[in-house]
Amino acid sequence: MDTLLVLAQSTPRSEDGFGWPLAVFLVGFFLAIAALLAIIAWQVAATYRARMSVARESAYRSLAEQSASAITRTSTDLAQARDLLDRLDARTAEIERLLREVG
C-alpha cells in the first residue's frame, strides 16, 4: 500500500490528478480480477460437467444392468417355451401314432 502511495506521489499528474502509472496499475488490477473471475467460472463449469458425466455414467450403468436382467429373463422364458414346445411336439407325435393305429 505504501508503494502505491509513493508511486502515486512521485509521478507527474494530469489535470484530473491521475498519472499514467496509476492508470496502468488500475487497468492491470482490473484485468487481473477479470482473469481470476474467468478462471473461477471455468473451474465451476468444469466441476459441473464432471458431475453431469458421473451422473450420466451412473444412468448408463443402471440401464446396462436392467438390460442384462431383461436378457436373462428373456432367455429363461425362451428356454421354458422351448421345453413346452418339445412336450407339445411329443404329445402331438403320440396322438398321431394313436390315430394311425386306430385308423
Protein backbone atom coordinates (compact mmCIF):
# COMPACT_ATOMS: atom_id res chain seq x y z
CA MET A 1 0.00 0.00 0.00
CA ASP A 2 2.87 2.35 0.79
CA THR A 3 4.42 1.56 -2.57
CA LEU A 4 1.23 2.67 -4.27
CA LEU A 5 1.24 5.94 -2.37
CA VAL A 6 4.89 6.57 -3.17
CA LEU A 7 4.24 5.71 -6.83
CA ALA A 8 1.22 8.00 -6.94
CA GLN A 9 3.12 10.90 -5.29
CA SER A 10 6.27 10.62 -7.39
CA THR A 11 4.58 10.60 -10.78
CA PRO A 12 3.53 13.71 -12.65
CA ARG A 13 -0.19 14.25 -12.53
CA SER A 14 -2.53 15.30 -15.27
CA GLU A 15 -5.25 17.89 -14.88
CA ASP A 16 -7.61 15.49 -13.13
CA GLY A 17 -4.99 14.30 -10.65
CA PHE A 18 -4.20 10.84 -12.05
CA GLY A 19 -0.91 9.91 -13.64
CA TRP A 20 -0.23 7.27 -16.30
CA PRO A 21 1.42 4.80 -13.94
CA LEU A 22 -1.62 4.79 -11.70
CA ALA A 23 -3.91 4.33 -14.69
CA VAL A 24 -1.78 1.43 -15.94
CA PHE A 25 -1.81 -0.11 -12.48
CA LEU A 26 -5.58 0.17 -12.19
CA VAL A 27 -6.14 -1.31 -15.65
CA GLY A 28 -3.78 -4.16 -14.80
CA PHE A 29 -5.53 -4.70 -11.49
CA PHE A 30 -8.96 -4.90 -13.12
CA LEU A 31 -7.63 -7.22 -15.82
CA ALA A 32 -6.18 -9.49 -13.13
CA ILE A 33 -9.52 -9.53 -11.30
CA ALA A 34 -11.34 -10.29 -14.58
CA ALA A 35 -8.89 -13.13 -15.33
CA LEU A 36 -9.39 -14.52 -11.82
CA LEU A 37 -13.18 -14.43 -12.24
CA ALA A 38 -12.88 -16.12 -15.64
CA ILE A 39 -10.73 -18.88 -14.15
CA ILE A 40 -13.21 -19.39 -11.31
CA ALA A 41 -16.12 -19.55 -13.78
CA TRP A 42 -14.19 -22.04 -15.93
CA GLN A 43 -13.48 -24.28 -12.95
CA VAL A 44 -17.09 -24.15 -11.76
CA ALA A 45 -18.23 -25.15 -15.26
CA ALA A 46 -15.65 -27.97 -15.37
CA THR A 47 -16.86 -29.25 -11.99
CA TYR A 48 -20.46 -29.13 -13.22
CA ARG A 49 -19.53 -31.04 -16.39
CA ALA A 50 -17.70 -33.67 -14.33
CA ARG A 51 -20.73 -34.15 -12.06
CA MET A 52 -23.02 -34.48 -15.07
CA SER A 53 -20.62 -37.01 -16.59
CA VAL A 54 -20.69 -39.11 -13.42
CA ALA A 55 -24.49 -38.95 -13.31
CA ARG A 56 -24.70 -39.93 -16.98
CA GLU A 57 -22.33 -42.87 -16.44
CA SER A 58 -24.39 -43.99 -13.47
CA ALA A 59 -27.56 -43.86 -15.57
CA TYR A 60 -25.87 -45.85 -18.34
CA ARG A 61 -24.69 -48.43 -15.80
CA SER A 62 -28.21 -48.77 -14.43
CA LEU A 63 -29.58 -49.13 -17.95
CA ALA A 64 -26.98 -51.82 -18.74
CA GLU A 65 -27.91 -53.73 -15.58
CA GLN A 66 -31.61 -53.53 -16.48
CA SER A 67 -30.83 -54.70 -19.98
CA ALA A 68 -28.79 -57.65 -18.72
CA SER A 69 -31.62 -58.58 -16.35
CA ALA A 70 -34.15 -58.39 -19.20
CA ILE A 71 -31.93 -60.57 -21.39
CA THR A 72 -31.65 -63.15 -18.61
CA ARG A 73 -35.42 -63.20 -18.11
CA THR A 74 -36.00 -63.49 -21.85
CA SER A 75 -33.52 -66.35 -22.08
CA THR A 76 -35.26 -68.17 -19.22
CA ASP A 77 -38.68 -67.60 -20.78
CA LEU A 78 -37.39 -68.83 -24.14
CA ALA A 79 -35.99 -71.99 -22.55
CA GLN A 80 -39.35 -72.64 -20.86
CA ALA A 81 -41.20 -72.05 -24.14
CA ARG A 82 -38.82 -74.41 -25.95
CA ASP A 83 -39.42 -77.07 -23.29
CA LEU A 84 -43.18 -76.63 -23.57
CA LEU A 85 -42.98 -76.83 -27.36
CA ASP A 86 -40.91 -80.01 -27.14
CA ARG A 87 -43.51 -81.57 -24.83
CA LEU A 88 -46.33 -80.49 -27.17
CA ASP A 89 -44.43 -81.94 -30.11
CA ALA A 90 -44.04 -85.25 -28.26
CA ARG A 91 -47.75 -85.32 -27.37
CA THR A 92 -48.72 -84.50 -30.95
CA ALA A 93 -46.49 -87.28 -32.22
CA GLU A 94 -48.11 -89.68 -29.73
CA ILE A 95 -51.60 -88.61 -30.83
CA GLU A 96 -50.62 -89.07 -34.49
CA ARG A 97 -49.31 -92.56 -33.70
CA LEU A 98 -52.53 -93.46 -31.88
CA LEU A 99 -54.64 -92.15 -34.79
CA ARG A 100 -52.64 -94.26 -37.25
CA GLU A 101 -53.17 -97.37 -35.13
CA VAL A 102 -56.90 -96.73 -34.76
CA GLY A 103 -57.46 -95.58 -38.35
